[in-house]
Amino acid sequence: MLQFKLLSCLLSEEARSYVKLMSRENTNHVVVFDEVLSVAGKDICTKDIPRIRGGWAIQDVFYAFSQHKELALLFLEYTLSILHKEPVIINSSEKGESTSESLADDCILQATMFALNAFMRGGGKIGKQAVEKSYPSVLSGLILKLGSLNGVAELGRNELLRSLLIAFQSFCECVGDVEMGKLLARDGEQTEKDKWIELVQEIACSSSVKRPKDVLPTCVILCNALNRNQRAEREAAAAALSEFIHHIEKEPTLLEQMVEEMCQHVSDDSPTVRSLCLRGLVQAPESHMLKYIQQVLGVILALLEDPNESVQLTAVQCLLNVLNLSEQDAVGPILINLLVRLRNLQVSMNTKMRSNAFAAYGALSAYGVGLQRTAFIEQIHATLPRLILHLHDDDLSVRLACRNTFQLLATLMEVEGLSVLLSKQYFASDRRSDYEDFIRDLTRQLCRLSPARVDSYLESAIQAFDAPWPVIRANAVCLVSCMLSFLDDQRFIAPYFSQVFATLVGRMSQSPDAIVRASASSALGILIKRSNMLRSLVSRYDRADSSRNSQSGDSNTKTPSEFQEQAEGNPNDGASGAAIKGTEADH
C-alpha cells in the first residue's frame, strides 16, 4: 500500500516525492499522518534527535507537508485536532487533578508539537497562509495546551511544556506578533498558576490588538472549552476570555453568549475559573454593561459567600468596580444582603479583604436613600464599632479605607458634632495618642444617643476583646472604657462595669501583648476614677434619699449606693473585685 511504501522511504531523499505522489493518489491522508506521527513519536522517545547524523529525516517530511499546496492545510488541521484533544483525567491524592496520558500519548503529543514547529518555520508562503487561515484554532489550541501542560509541569514533567513553548514561539514568528513572542520568552516557563494565568491574559490582549478580526472565532472556541473536563484547560479558557471580552463591543451576539457562559461557570469547581469568569463579567464593554448589571450583581452577591477566600476577595473587588456603573434600581433590592455579607468579610485575616470590604461598605452609601434609608442606617450603626476599631488597624490600607468609609457614612448617621470631629487633624493621624483622643471625643457624642443604640455599641466592642489582632483588642478596651466613663445612668452601666473590670484586670496581668496590657491599665484608671466620682456623688444623694425614705417610710426602695455596691460586689467576680479594690487602694 502507498502509505507503507511512504513510511519505508521516510528516512531517504525520496520522502518529498512520495508526499507529492500521495496528494495525487486516492490515499487516506489521515492514516498517513497517523503513521508519520507515530514514527516521529517513537524517534523522539528513543533517540537523541539533535544528534542524529545527517539530520532528522521526518522533519523534512513535515516541511514537505507544509510547503504542499493541497496537503498544508490538511496537515495543519490534523495536528490541531490532536492539540485540541482533551486528555483523560484522573484524581491524584497528592497533587489533585492530573492527566492520565500514557507514555505513547506523550510521545504523540511531543511529535505533534515538533510537527507544528517545523510547519510554521519551514512552510514558506503556503504554510504561512494555512496558519493565517487557521489562526483562531491555532491560538486557542496553544492557549488551552499551555494550561494543560502547566499542570503536568507541576508534577515535574517539563519536557512537554518546553516543546509547546518552542512551537508557540514559532507561531508568533509566523504571524508576525513580536510582542506575544516577548511575553512567552519572559514568562513562558513560569509554572506557578498566577504567573501562567497572567501570561494567557497578556497573550489574549496582544492578539486582540494585532488581530481584532480573529477575536470572535477565537472566543467561540474558548467559550466551548469552558465545558471541558480538565480543570487547567478551563482555567486557561477563562483567563483568555476574561481579557478578550474587552474587545467585543461591536459583537453583541458574541457578548451575550460569553456573559451566559461566564454566569454558568461561576459555579465551576475550580476557584480560579470562578474568579476569572467574574472578572470577565465585570470587564464587559461599558456600553453594554447596563444590560447585564443585575446578572453581574447577582453573581457578586453569591460569590461574597464563596468557600474560597480568593474568590470572595475577587467578588469584593469586582463590586467596587461595578458600582460606578450601577443604578439604584439594580442595587436597591440586594443592598442589605450586600452590606451583611461585607460585614462578615471585615474581620478577615487577609488585609486586602478587610480594606476592600470596608471600602465597598462606604461605596454603597450612595444607595442608602429612599425606601432603603432606614434599613441602611441600621446597618451603619451595626458596623460602626468595628469601623471605629479598625480606624487604627495595623495595616495602612485598612486604616485609609476605614477613614474614607467613616466620612461617607457620617452624613447619614445624623450624630451631632460628628462632621466637626472628622475634620480635625487627629482623625487622619496614625499616632496612637491621636487615635485615643479621637475615641474620647467621639464616644462623648455617641453616648448621647438612645440607650438601646449605646447598648449595642458596647456589646459589639466588648466582643472585640477577643479579636485576633492585639491592636484591635487594645482599641476595643479604649472604646469601651471611654463609653462607660461618659455614661451617667448607674442602672444601665452597672452590669458592664462588673464584666469589664474583671476582663481588664485579667488582660492587664496576663496578656502577652504590651499594647493590650497598657490599654487595660489605662482603662482601669479611667473606670476607677469614674467609679470614685460616682461614689462621691452617690453618697451625697444617699443622705438626701435616706432622709426622704425615712420620712415616707418606704423601706423597699434601694439607694443609689446600693446599686453601686451591687455592681462592684458581684459574687461572680470575687477575684477581680479583690484585685480592683487593691488597685483602688494603690490609687
Protein backbone atom coordinates (compact mmCIF):
# COMPACT_ATOMS: atom_id res chain seq x y z
CA MET A 1 0.00 0.00 0.00
CA LEU A 2 1.11 3.54 -0.68
CA GLN A 3 1.29 4.64 2.97
CA PHE A 4 3.60 1.76 3.87
CA LYS A 5 5.74 2.50 0.85
CA LEU A 6 5.96 6.07 2.09
CA LEU A 7 6.97 5.00 5.59
CA SER A 8 9.67 2.74 4.21
CA CYS A 9 11.19 5.72 2.46
CA LEU A 10 10.83 8.32 5.23
CA LEU A 11 14.50 8.32 6.02
CA SER A 12 15.52 8.61 2.36
CA GLU A 13 15.75 11.51 -0.06
CA GLU A 14 12.64 10.26 -1.83
CA ALA A 15 10.32 11.38 1.00
CA ARG A 16 9.29 14.63 -0.69
CA SER A 17 8.45 12.91 -3.97
CA TYR A 18 6.21 10.45 -2.12
CA VAL A 19 4.45 13.32 -0.40
CA LYS A 20 3.69 14.79 -3.81
CA LEU A 21 2.55 11.40 -5.06
CA MET A 22 0.27 10.99 -2.03
CA SER A 23 -1.55 14.19 -2.92
CA ARG A 24 -2.35 12.82 -6.38
CA GLU A 25 -3.40 9.32 -5.45
CA ASN A 26 -6.65 8.34 -3.80
CA THR A 27 -4.98 7.98 -0.42
CA ASN A 28 -6.38 8.32 3.11
CA HIS A 29 -4.23 11.21 4.31
CA VAL A 30 -5.29 10.79 7.97
CA VAL A 31 -3.86 7.26 8.02
CA VAL A 32 -0.60 8.51 6.58
CA PHE A 33 -0.43 11.41 9.04
CA ASP A 34 -1.10 8.99 11.91
CA GLU A 35 1.73 6.73 10.87
CA VAL A 36 4.15 9.60 10.29
CA LEU A 37 3.48 10.98 13.77
CA SER A 38 3.73 7.51 15.25
CA VAL A 39 7.20 7.03 13.78
CA ALA A 40 8.17 10.57 14.82
CA GLY A 41 6.93 9.93 18.36
CA LYS A 42 8.98 6.72 18.66
CA ASP A 43 12.07 8.55 17.45
CA ILE A 44 11.55 11.38 19.93
CA CYS A 45 11.15 8.97 22.85
CA THR A 46 14.02 6.64 21.91
CA LYS A 47 16.61 8.76 20.10
CA ASP A 48 18.60 11.93 20.72
CA ILE A 49 17.07 13.87 17.81
CA PRO A 50 19.60 16.75 17.63
CA ARG A 51 22.49 14.25 17.35
CA ILE A 52 21.08 12.11 14.55
CA ARG A 53 23.74 12.02 11.83
CA GLY A 54 22.59 13.77 8.69
CA GLY A 55 19.61 15.33 10.45
CA TRP A 56 16.18 14.02 11.31
CA ALA A 57 14.55 12.93 8.02
CA ILE A 58 10.99 13.05 9.39
CA GLN A 59 11.40 16.77 9.92
CA ASP A 60 11.89 17.07 6.16
CA VAL A 61 8.53 15.33 5.71
CA PHE A 62 6.90 17.92 7.99
CA TYR A 63 8.49 20.65 5.88
CA ALA A 64 7.25 18.98 2.71
CA PHE A 65 3.68 18.80 4.04
CA SER A 66 3.78 22.49 4.98
CA GLN A 67 5.01 23.53 1.55
CA HIS A 68 2.45 21.49 -0.40
CA LYS A 69 -0.47 23.49 -1.74
CA GLU A 70 -3.08 20.80 -1.01
CA LEU A 71 -1.59 18.98 1.99
CA ALA A 72 -0.54 22.02 4.03
CA LEU A 73 -3.99 22.89 5.35
CA LEU A 74 -4.93 19.23 5.79
CA PHE A 75 -1.82 18.51 7.85
CA LEU A 76 -2.27 21.65 9.97
CA GLU A 77 -5.88 20.75 10.71
CA TYR A 78 -4.78 17.24 11.62
CA THR A 79 -2.13 18.43 14.10
CA LEU A 80 -4.60 20.93 15.60
CA SER A 81 -7.12 18.13 16.15
CA ILE A 82 -4.51 16.41 18.34
CA LEU A 83 -3.66 19.67 20.09
CA HIS A 84 -7.35 20.26 20.88
CA LYS A 85 -7.92 16.69 22.03
CA GLU A 86 -8.95 16.52 25.67
CA PRO A 87 -6.66 14.48 27.91
CA VAL A 88 -8.13 11.76 30.12
CA ILE A 89 -8.38 12.96 33.74
CA ILE A 90 -7.53 11.13 36.94
CA ASN A 91 -7.51 12.37 40.51
CA SER A 92 -4.26 12.28 42.45
CA SER A 93 -4.50 12.35 46.24
CA GLU A 94 -1.27 14.32 46.49
CA LYS A 95 -1.42 16.69 43.55
CA GLY A 96 -5.15 16.84 42.88
CA GLU A 97 -6.35 16.57 39.28
CA SER A 98 -3.82 15.37 36.69
CA THR A 99 -3.72 13.78 33.24
CA SER A 100 -3.50 10.04 32.78
CA GLU A 101 -1.94 10.03 29.33
CA SER A 102 0.40 7.11 28.65
CA LEU A 103 3.99 7.41 27.53
CA ALA A 104 2.84 6.69 23.98
CA ASP A 105 0.33 9.54 24.17
CA ASP A 106 3.06 11.86 25.44
CA CYS A 107 5.27 10.84 22.53
CA ILE A 108 2.50 11.58 20.01
CA LEU A 109 1.84 14.97 21.62
CA GLN A 110 5.56 15.72 21.57
CA ALA A 111 5.69 14.75 17.88
CA THR A 112 2.68 16.96 17.18
CA MET A 113 4.43 19.98 18.65
CA PHE A 114 7.60 19.16 16.71
CA ALA A 115 5.45 18.98 13.58
CA LEU A 116 3.79 22.33 14.31
CA ASN A 117 7.16 23.93 14.93
CA ALA A 118 8.56 22.58 11.67
CA PHE A 119 5.37 23.52 9.80
CA MET A 120 5.45 27.16 10.92
CA ARG A 121 9.20 27.58 10.48
CA GLY A 122 9.64 25.79 7.17
CA GLY A 123 6.31 26.18 5.45
CA GLY A 124 7.18 29.25 3.45
CA LYS A 125 4.36 31.20 1.83
CA ILE A 126 1.98 28.23 1.62
CA GLY A 127 2.47 27.20 5.24
CA LYS A 128 2.06 30.77 6.43
CA GLN A 129 -1.22 31.15 4.51
CA ALA A 130 -2.51 27.96 6.13
CA VAL A 131 -1.59 29.27 9.60
CA GLU A 132 -3.20 32.65 8.89
CA LYS A 133 -6.38 30.92 7.74
CA SER A 134 -6.49 28.76 10.85
CA TYR A 135 -5.30 31.47 13.28
CA PRO A 136 -8.20 31.19 15.81
CA SER A 137 -7.87 27.41 16.02
CA VAL A 138 -4.07 27.54 16.33
CA LEU A 139 -4.07 30.24 19.02
CA SER A 140 -6.87 28.71 21.10
CA GLY A 141 -5.26 25.27 20.85
CA LEU A 142 -1.90 26.60 22.03
CA ILE A 143 -3.54 28.52 24.89
CA LEU A 144 -5.52 25.51 26.09
CA LYS A 145 -2.49 23.24 25.88
CA LEU A 146 -0.41 25.84 27.73
CA GLY A 147 -2.82 25.48 30.64
CA SER A 148 -2.92 21.71 30.40
CA LEU A 149 0.85 21.28 30.26
CA ASN A 150 1.48 23.69 33.12
CA GLY A 151 -0.49 21.23 35.22
CA VAL A 152 1.82 18.44 34.02
CA ALA A 153 4.91 20.61 34.65
CA GLU A 154 3.87 20.95 38.30
CA LEU A 155 4.34 17.19 38.51
CA GLY A 156 7.94 17.57 37.32
CA ARG A 157 7.34 16.76 33.63
CA ASN A 158 8.68 19.89 31.93
CA GLU A 159 9.71 18.48 28.55
CA LEU A 160 6.21 18.74 27.03
CA LEU A 161 5.84 22.35 28.16
CA ARG A 162 9.20 23.25 26.62
CA SER A 163 8.19 21.69 23.30
CA LEU A 164 4.92 23.62 23.35
CA LEU A 165 6.70 26.91 24.05
CA ILE A 166 9.03 26.33 21.09
CA ALA A 167 6.01 25.74 18.84
CA PHE A 168 4.24 28.78 20.33
CA GLN A 169 7.28 30.96 19.58
CA SER A 170 7.31 29.69 16.01
CA PHE A 171 3.63 30.62 15.73
CA CYS A 172 4.40 34.17 16.93
CA GLU A 173 7.15 34.50 14.31
CA CYS A 174 4.93 33.04 11.59
CA VAL A 175 2.10 35.54 12.18
CA GLY A 176 4.46 38.44 12.95
CA ASP A 177 3.41 39.03 16.56
CA VAL A 178 6.69 40.17 18.13
CA GLU A 179 5.04 41.33 21.35
CA MET A 180 3.48 37.93 22.00
CA GLY A 181 6.84 36.31 21.42
CA LYS A 182 8.43 38.57 24.03
CA LEU A 183 5.75 37.64 26.54
CA LEU A 184 6.43 33.93 26.01
CA ALA A 185 10.20 34.44 26.28
CA ARG A 186 9.75 36.31 29.57
CA ASP A 187 7.17 34.16 31.38
CA GLY A 188 6.68 31.00 29.31
CA GLU A 189 8.35 28.63 31.76
CA GLN A 190 6.68 30.08 34.86
CA THR A 191 4.60 27.19 36.16
CA GLU A 192 3.03 28.95 39.15
CA LYS A 193 -0.66 29.24 38.43
CA ASP A 194 -0.89 33.01 38.94
CA LYS A 195 2.01 33.52 36.54
CA TRP A 196 0.74 31.43 33.65
CA ILE A 197 -2.80 32.74 34.08
CA GLU A 198 -1.43 36.26 33.75
CA LEU A 199 0.60 35.17 30.71
CA VAL A 200 -2.53 33.82 29.00
CA GLN A 201 -4.33 37.10 29.64
CA GLU A 202 -1.44 39.08 28.17
CA ILE A 203 -1.37 36.81 25.12
CA ALA A 204 -5.10 37.40 24.62
CA CYS A 205 -4.57 41.15 24.90
CA SER A 206 -1.74 41.09 22.36
CA SER A 207 -3.83 39.04 19.95
CA SER A 208 -6.82 41.37 20.33
CA VAL A 209 -4.71 44.38 19.39
CA LYS A 210 -2.95 42.73 16.45
CA ARG A 211 -5.80 40.57 15.11
CA PRO A 212 -9.17 42.16 16.03
CA LYS A 213 -10.97 40.25 13.25
CA ASP A 214 -9.93 36.93 14.77
CA VAL A 215 -11.26 37.69 18.27
CA LEU A 216 -14.79 36.47 17.53
CA PRO A 217 -13.96 32.95 16.23
CA THR A 218 -11.28 32.53 18.91
CA CYS A 219 -13.78 33.40 21.65
CA VAL A 220 -16.32 30.95 20.24
CA ILE A 221 -13.78 28.12 20.54
CA LEU A 222 -12.76 29.17 24.06
CA CYS A 223 -16.38 29.51 25.24
CA ASN A 224 -16.92 25.88 24.27
CA ALA A 225 -13.68 24.98 26.08
CA LEU A 226 -15.20 26.17 29.39
CA ASN A 227 -17.13 22.89 29.34
CA ARG A 228 -14.03 20.70 29.08
CA ASN A 229 -13.23 18.08 31.69
CA GLN A 230 -9.70 19.16 32.53
CA ARG A 231 -9.59 21.94 35.10
CA ALA A 232 -6.38 23.56 33.79
CA GLU A 233 -7.85 23.88 30.29
CA ARG A 234 -10.99 25.52 31.70
CA GLU A 235 -8.78 27.89 33.66
CA ALA A 236 -6.80 28.78 30.53
CA ALA A 237 -10.02 29.38 28.58
CA ALA A 238 -11.47 31.56 31.35
CA ALA A 239 -8.23 33.56 31.60
CA ALA A 240 -8.23 34.30 27.86
CA LEU A 241 -11.94 35.12 27.73
CA SER A 242 -11.67 37.49 30.71
CA GLU A 243 -9.32 39.58 28.55
CA PHE A 244 -10.95 39.10 25.14
CA ILE A 245 -14.28 40.39 26.49
CA HIS A 246 -12.80 43.91 26.49
CA HIS A 247 -12.61 43.83 22.73
CA ILE A 248 -16.02 42.64 21.55
CA GLU A 249 -18.00 45.85 21.89
CA LYS A 250 -19.15 45.54 18.28
CA GLU A 251 -20.22 41.90 18.65
CA PRO A 252 -23.38 41.97 20.84
CA THR A 253 -24.35 38.39 19.95
CA LEU A 254 -20.97 37.02 20.99
CA LEU A 255 -21.01 39.19 24.13
CA GLU A 256 -24.36 37.73 25.13
CA GLN A 257 -23.00 34.21 24.62
CA MET A 258 -19.91 34.99 26.69
CA VAL A 259 -21.92 36.53 29.53
CA GLU A 260 -24.18 33.49 29.59
CA GLU A 261 -21.22 31.07 29.64
CA MET A 262 -19.40 33.00 32.34
CA CYS A 263 -22.51 33.24 34.53
CA GLN A 264 -22.91 29.47 34.28
CA HIS A 265 -19.28 28.81 35.20
CA VAL A 266 -19.13 30.95 38.33
CA SER A 267 -20.20 27.69 39.97
CA ASP A 268 -17.25 25.77 38.46
CA ASP A 269 -15.41 23.50 40.90
CA SER A 270 -12.21 25.47 40.20
CA PRO A 271 -11.90 28.67 42.31
CA THR A 272 -9.69 30.08 39.55
CA VAL A 273 -12.42 29.62 36.93
CA ARG A 274 -14.99 31.20 39.25
CA SER A 275 -12.78 34.24 39.87
CA LEU A 276 -11.81 34.67 36.22
CA CYS A 277 -15.39 34.39 34.98
CA LEU A 278 -16.48 37.06 37.46
CA ARG A 279 -13.60 39.33 36.43
CA GLY A 280 -14.61 38.83 32.82
CA LEU A 281 -18.23 39.76 33.55
CA VAL A 282 -17.18 42.98 35.27
CA GLN A 283 -14.89 43.90 32.37
CA ALA A 284 -17.57 43.70 29.69
CA PRO A 285 -17.71 46.84 27.50
CA GLU A 286 -19.29 49.73 29.40
CA SER A 287 -21.66 50.50 26.54
CA HIS A 288 -23.35 47.11 27.14
CA MET A 289 -22.89 46.84 30.90
CA LEU A 290 -26.27 48.25 31.94
CA LYS A 291 -27.98 45.38 30.13
CA TYR A 292 -26.18 42.81 32.26
CA ILE A 293 -25.66 44.72 35.52
CA GLN A 294 -28.31 42.84 37.51
CA GLN A 295 -26.87 39.48 36.43
CA VAL A 296 -23.38 40.61 37.42
CA LEU A 297 -24.51 41.94 40.82
CA GLY A 298 -26.33 38.67 41.46
CA VAL A 299 -23.13 36.74 40.76
CA ILE A 300 -21.14 39.04 43.05
CA LEU A 301 -23.67 38.63 45.85
CA ALA A 302 -23.39 34.84 45.59
CA LEU A 303 -19.59 34.79 45.46
CA LEU A 304 -19.25 37.03 48.53
CA GLU A 305 -20.09 33.82 50.41
CA ASP A 306 -17.85 31.56 48.35
CA PRO A 307 -15.97 28.96 50.43
CA ASN A 308 -12.69 30.07 48.83
CA GLU A 309 -11.22 33.29 50.20
CA SER A 310 -9.56 34.29 46.92
CA VAL A 311 -12.95 34.14 45.18
CA GLN A 312 -14.51 36.23 47.96
CA LEU A 313 -11.76 38.83 47.51
CA THR A 314 -12.39 38.90 43.77
CA ALA A 315 -16.11 39.44 44.43
CA VAL A 316 -15.43 42.40 46.76
CA GLN A 317 -13.01 43.99 44.29
CA CYS A 318 -15.44 43.49 41.41
CA LEU A 319 -18.24 45.02 43.46
CA LEU A 320 -16.16 48.17 43.91
CA ASN A 321 -15.53 48.29 40.15
CA VAL A 322 -19.10 47.72 39.06
CA LEU A 323 -20.80 50.14 41.47
CA ASN A 324 -19.64 53.04 39.30
CA LEU A 325 -21.94 51.75 36.57
CA SER A 326 -24.85 50.58 38.74
CA GLU A 327 -28.20 52.31 39.02
CA GLN A 328 -30.30 52.47 42.20
CA ASP A 329 -32.86 50.07 40.72
CA ALA A 330 -30.19 47.39 40.31
CA VAL A 331 -28.52 47.76 43.72
CA GLY A 332 -31.55 48.57 45.89
CA PRO A 333 -33.15 45.09 46.03
CA ILE A 334 -29.91 43.45 47.24
CA LEU A 335 -28.42 46.37 49.21
CA ILE A 336 -28.97 44.96 52.71
CA ASN A 337 -27.74 41.50 51.67
CA LEU A 338 -24.58 43.09 50.27
CA LEU A 339 -24.00 45.02 53.49
CA VAL A 340 -24.46 41.96 55.69
CA ARG A 341 -22.01 39.89 53.64
CA LEU A 342 -19.45 42.69 53.57
CA ARG A 343 -19.63 42.96 57.36
CA ASN A 344 -18.68 39.29 57.60
CA LEU A 345 -15.58 39.95 55.49
CA GLN A 346 -14.41 42.96 57.51
CA VAL A 347 -12.91 40.66 60.13
CA SER A 348 -10.88 38.60 57.64
CA MET A 349 -7.21 38.00 58.47
CA ASN A 350 -6.45 38.96 54.86
CA THR A 351 -5.61 42.68 54.85
CA LYS A 352 -6.72 43.10 51.22
CA MET A 353 -10.06 41.57 52.12
CA ARG A 354 -10.54 43.85 55.11
CA SER A 355 -9.60 47.03 53.26
CA ASN A 356 -11.77 46.23 50.24
CA ALA A 357 -14.72 45.13 52.39
CA PHE A 358 -14.66 48.41 54.33
CA ALA A 359 -14.22 50.41 51.10
CA ALA A 360 -17.16 48.66 49.42
CA TYR A 361 -19.31 49.31 52.50
CA GLY A 362 -18.64 53.02 52.11
CA ALA A 363 -19.26 52.94 48.36
CA LEU A 364 -22.73 51.50 48.99
CA SER A 365 -23.67 54.62 50.97
CA ALA A 366 -24.70 56.21 47.68
CA TYR A 367 -27.61 53.74 47.53
CA GLY A 368 -28.88 54.19 51.11
CA VAL A 369 -31.65 56.54 50.09
CA GLY A 370 -35.39 56.47 49.65
CA LEU A 371 -37.09 53.32 50.92
CA GLN A 372 -33.69 51.82 51.80
CA ARG A 373 -32.61 54.67 54.07
CA THR A 374 -33.93 53.40 57.41
CA ALA A 375 -32.63 49.86 56.92
CA PHE A 376 -29.31 51.20 55.68
CA ILE A 377 -28.84 53.42 58.74
CA GLU A 378 -29.45 50.42 60.99
CA GLN A 379 -26.70 48.58 59.14
CA ILE A 380 -24.36 51.55 59.62
CA HIS A 381 -24.89 51.51 63.38
CA ALA A 382 -24.41 47.73 63.43
CA THR A 383 -20.95 48.03 61.88
CA LEU A 384 -19.93 51.34 63.48
CA PRO A 385 -17.97 49.89 66.47
CA ARG A 386 -15.94 47.67 64.13
CA LEU A 387 -15.30 50.62 61.82
CA ILE A 388 -14.08 52.70 64.78
CA LEU A 389 -11.76 49.91 65.95
CA HIS A 390 -10.16 49.44 62.53
CA LEU A 391 -9.51 53.15 62.09
CA HIS A 392 -6.28 52.25 63.85
CA ASP A 393 -5.69 48.88 62.18
CA ASP A 394 -2.11 47.61 61.83
CA ASP A 395 -2.42 47.82 58.04
CA LEU A 396 -2.30 51.24 56.36
CA SER A 397 -4.67 50.28 53.52
CA VAL A 398 -7.30 49.21 56.07
CA ARG A 399 -6.90 52.46 58.02
CA LEU A 400 -7.31 54.56 54.88
CA ALA A 401 -10.37 52.56 53.75
CA CYS A 402 -12.00 52.96 57.17
CA ARG A 403 -11.37 56.70 57.28
CA ASN A 404 -12.89 57.19 53.84
CA THR A 405 -15.87 54.97 54.68
CA PHE A 406 -16.45 56.76 58.00
CA GLN A 407 -16.62 60.09 56.19
CA LEU A 408 -19.07 58.70 53.63
CA LEU A 409 -21.35 57.22 56.31
CA ALA A 410 -21.16 60.16 58.73
CA THR A 411 -23.56 62.30 56.70
CA LEU A 412 -26.25 59.61 57.04
CA MET A 413 -25.81 58.98 60.77
CA GLU A 414 -27.07 62.38 61.99
CA VAL A 415 -24.84 62.39 65.08
CA GLU A 416 -24.35 65.88 66.46
CA GLY A 417 -20.82 67.23 66.09
CA LEU A 418 -19.56 64.19 64.15
CA SER A 419 -18.61 66.10 60.99
CA VAL A 420 -16.53 68.51 63.10
CA LEU A 421 -14.59 65.62 64.67
CA LEU A 422 -13.84 64.09 61.27
CA SER A 423 -12.41 67.38 60.03
CA LYS A 424 -9.85 67.58 62.82
CA GLN A 425 -6.23 66.59 62.29
CA TYR A 426 -6.24 63.70 64.75
CA PHE A 427 -8.78 61.78 62.65
CA ALA A 428 -6.25 61.32 59.83
CA SER A 429 -3.29 60.72 62.14
CA ASP A 430 -1.52 57.37 62.52
CA ARG A 431 -0.30 58.18 66.05
CA ARG A 432 -1.92 56.11 68.78
CA SER A 433 -2.26 59.06 71.16
CA ASP A 434 -4.22 60.96 68.47
CA TYR A 435 -6.44 57.94 67.90
CA GLU A 436 -7.22 57.70 71.62
CA ASP A 437 -8.02 61.43 71.74
CA PHE A 438 -10.40 60.94 68.81
CA ILE A 439 -12.08 58.00 70.58
CA ARG A 440 -12.68 60.09 73.72
CA ASP A 441 -14.26 62.91 71.74
CA LEU A 442 -16.28 60.53 69.57
CA THR A 443 -17.70 58.48 72.44
CA ARG A 444 -18.79 61.66 74.19
CA GLN A 445 -21.05 62.28 71.18
CA LEU A 446 -22.18 58.67 70.78
CA CYS A 447 -23.21 58.36 74.43
CA ARG A 448 -25.89 60.97 73.80
CA LEU A 449 -27.74 58.59 71.53
CA SER A 450 -30.54 56.29 72.71
CA PRO A 451 -29.69 53.72 75.42
CA ALA A 452 -30.54 50.88 73.03
CA ARG A 453 -28.05 52.22 70.48
CA VAL A 454 -25.31 52.66 73.10
CA ASP A 455 -26.01 49.18 74.46
CA SER A 456 -25.46 47.64 71.01
CA TYR A 457 -22.20 49.57 70.62
CA LEU A 458 -20.92 48.29 73.96
CA GLU A 459 -21.85 44.69 73.24
CA SER A 460 -20.12 44.78 69.86
CA ALA A 461 -16.99 46.44 71.24
CA ILE A 462 -16.76 44.02 74.18
CA GLN A 463 -16.86 41.10 71.73
CA ALA A 464 -13.74 42.60 70.12
CA PHE A 465 -11.82 41.97 73.37
CA ASP A 466 -11.16 38.55 71.78
CA ALA A 467 -10.20 39.84 68.31
CA PRO A 468 -7.22 38.07 66.69
CA TRP A 469 -5.21 41.31 66.44
CA PRO A 470 -3.59 42.80 69.59
CA VAL A 471 -4.05 46.36 68.35
CA ILE A 472 -7.79 45.80 67.80
CA ARG A 473 -8.12 44.29 71.30
CA ALA A 474 -6.38 47.38 72.67
CA ASN A 475 -8.67 49.65 70.62
CA ALA A 476 -11.73 47.81 71.97
CA VAL A 477 -10.54 48.30 75.55
CA CYS A 478 -10.09 52.01 74.89
CA LEU A 479 -13.51 52.38 73.23
CA VAL A 480 -15.43 50.52 75.96
CA SER A 481 -13.74 52.32 78.84
CA CYS A 482 -14.36 55.72 77.23
CA MET A 483 -18.04 54.92 76.66
CA LEU A 484 -18.54 53.74 80.24
CA SER A 485 -16.81 56.84 81.55
CA PHE A 486 -19.29 59.12 79.77
CA LEU A 487 -22.50 57.29 80.69
CA ASP A 488 -24.46 58.68 83.64
CA ASP A 489 -27.18 56.09 84.17
CA GLN A 490 -25.94 53.89 87.04
CA ARG A 491 -28.55 51.22 86.46
CA PHE A 492 -27.52 50.98 82.81
CA ILE A 493 -23.76 50.76 83.29
CA ALA A 494 -23.69 48.58 86.46
CA PRO A 495 -23.67 45.21 84.59
CA TYR A 496 -21.00 46.42 82.18
CA PHE A 497 -18.76 47.73 84.98
CA SER A 498 -18.50 44.35 86.67
CA GLN A 499 -17.91 42.50 83.37
CA VAL A 500 -15.36 44.96 82.02
CA PHE A 501 -13.47 45.33 85.32
CA ALA A 502 -12.94 41.59 85.54
CA THR A 503 -11.74 41.39 81.95
CA LEU A 504 -9.38 44.34 82.24
CA VAL A 505 -7.71 43.02 85.38
CA GLY A 506 -7.06 39.71 83.61
CA ARG A 507 -5.74 41.38 80.46
CA MET A 508 -3.51 43.75 82.40
CA SER A 509 -1.78 40.90 84.19
CA GLN A 510 -1.91 38.06 81.67
CA SER A 511 -1.89 39.42 78.10
CA PRO A 512 1.37 38.69 76.21
CA ASP A 513 0.93 41.89 74.17
CA ALA A 514 2.32 45.10 75.61
CA ILE A 515 -0.20 47.27 73.78
CA VAL A 516 -3.12 45.34 75.34
CA ARG A 517 -1.60 45.50 78.84
CA ALA A 518 -1.03 49.24 78.50
CA SER A 519 -4.56 49.86 77.26
CA ALA A 520 -6.05 47.72 80.02
CA SER A 521 -4.08 49.59 82.67
CA SER A 522 -5.13 52.96 81.28
CA ALA A 523 -8.76 51.84 81.02
CA LEU A 524 -8.77 50.61 84.62
CA GLY A 525 -7.53 54.00 85.73
CA ILE A 526 -10.33 55.72 83.80
CA LEU A 527 -13.04 53.46 85.20
CA ILE A 528 -11.75 53.58 88.78
CA LYS A 529 -11.65 57.35 88.61
CA ARG A 530 -15.16 57.32 87.21
CA SER A 531 -16.27 54.88 89.91
CA ASN A 532 -14.83 57.05 92.68
CA MET A 533 -16.50 60.14 91.26
CA LEU A 534 -19.83 58.33 91.07
CA ARG A 535 -19.40 57.03 94.62
CA SER A 536 -18.81 60.59 95.84
CA LEU A 537 -21.95 61.78 94.07
CA VAL A 538 -23.90 58.75 95.22
CA SER A 539 -23.00 59.27 98.90
CA ARG A 540 -24.17 62.87 98.64
CA TYR A 541 -27.53 61.79 97.25
CA ASP A 542 -27.77 58.86 99.69
CA ARG A 543 -28.15 61.21 102.62
CA ALA A 544 -30.95 63.11 100.90
CA ASP A 545 -32.64 59.88 99.76
CA SER A 546 -32.34 58.30 103.19
CA SER A 547 -33.94 61.34 104.75
CA ARG A 548 -36.79 61.23 102.25
CA ASN A 549 -37.25 57.46 102.61
CA SER A 550 -37.36 57.65 106.43
CA GLN A 551 -39.98 60.33 106.20
CA SER A 552 -42.06 58.38 103.69
CA GLY A 553 -41.50 55.04 105.44
CA ASP A 554 -40.61 53.22 102.14
CA SER A 555 -38.17 50.53 103.31
CA ASN A 556 -38.10 48.68 99.95
CA THR A 557 -36.51 51.48 97.94
CA LYS A 558 -32.85 50.87 97.09
CA THR A 559 -30.49 53.78 97.40
CA PRO A 560 -28.04 54.66 94.62
CA SER A 561 -25.19 53.41 96.82
CA GLU A 562 -26.86 50.01 96.95
CA PHE A 563 -26.86 49.90 93.15
CA GLN A 564 -23.17 50.82 93.21
CA GLU A 565 -22.37 48.11 95.75
CA GLN A 566 -24.32 45.58 93.71
CA ALA A 567 -22.26 46.45 90.64
CA GLU A 568 -18.90 46.26 92.42
CA GLY A 569 -19.72 43.33 94.69
CA ASN A 570 -20.97 40.87 92.09
CA PRO A 571 -20.36 37.40 93.61
CA ASN A 572 -19.30 36.05 90.21
CA ASP A 573 -16.36 38.44 90.12
CA GLY A 574 -14.89 37.96 93.58
CA ALA A 575 -11.31 37.58 92.39
CA SER A 576 -11.45 40.56 90.08
CA GLY A 577 -13.26 42.60 92.72
CA ALA A 578 -10.42 41.97 95.16
CA ALA A 579 -7.89 42.98 92.52
CA ILE A 580 -9.83 46.15 91.77
CA LYS A 581 -10.02 47.13 95.45
CA GLY A 582 -6.28 46.64 95.70
CA THR A 583 -5.82 48.85 92.67
CA GLU A 584 -8.11 51.45 94.18
CA ALA A 585 -6.05 51.43 97.37
CA ASP A 586 -2.88 52.00 95.35
CA HIS A 587 -4.50 55.00 93.70
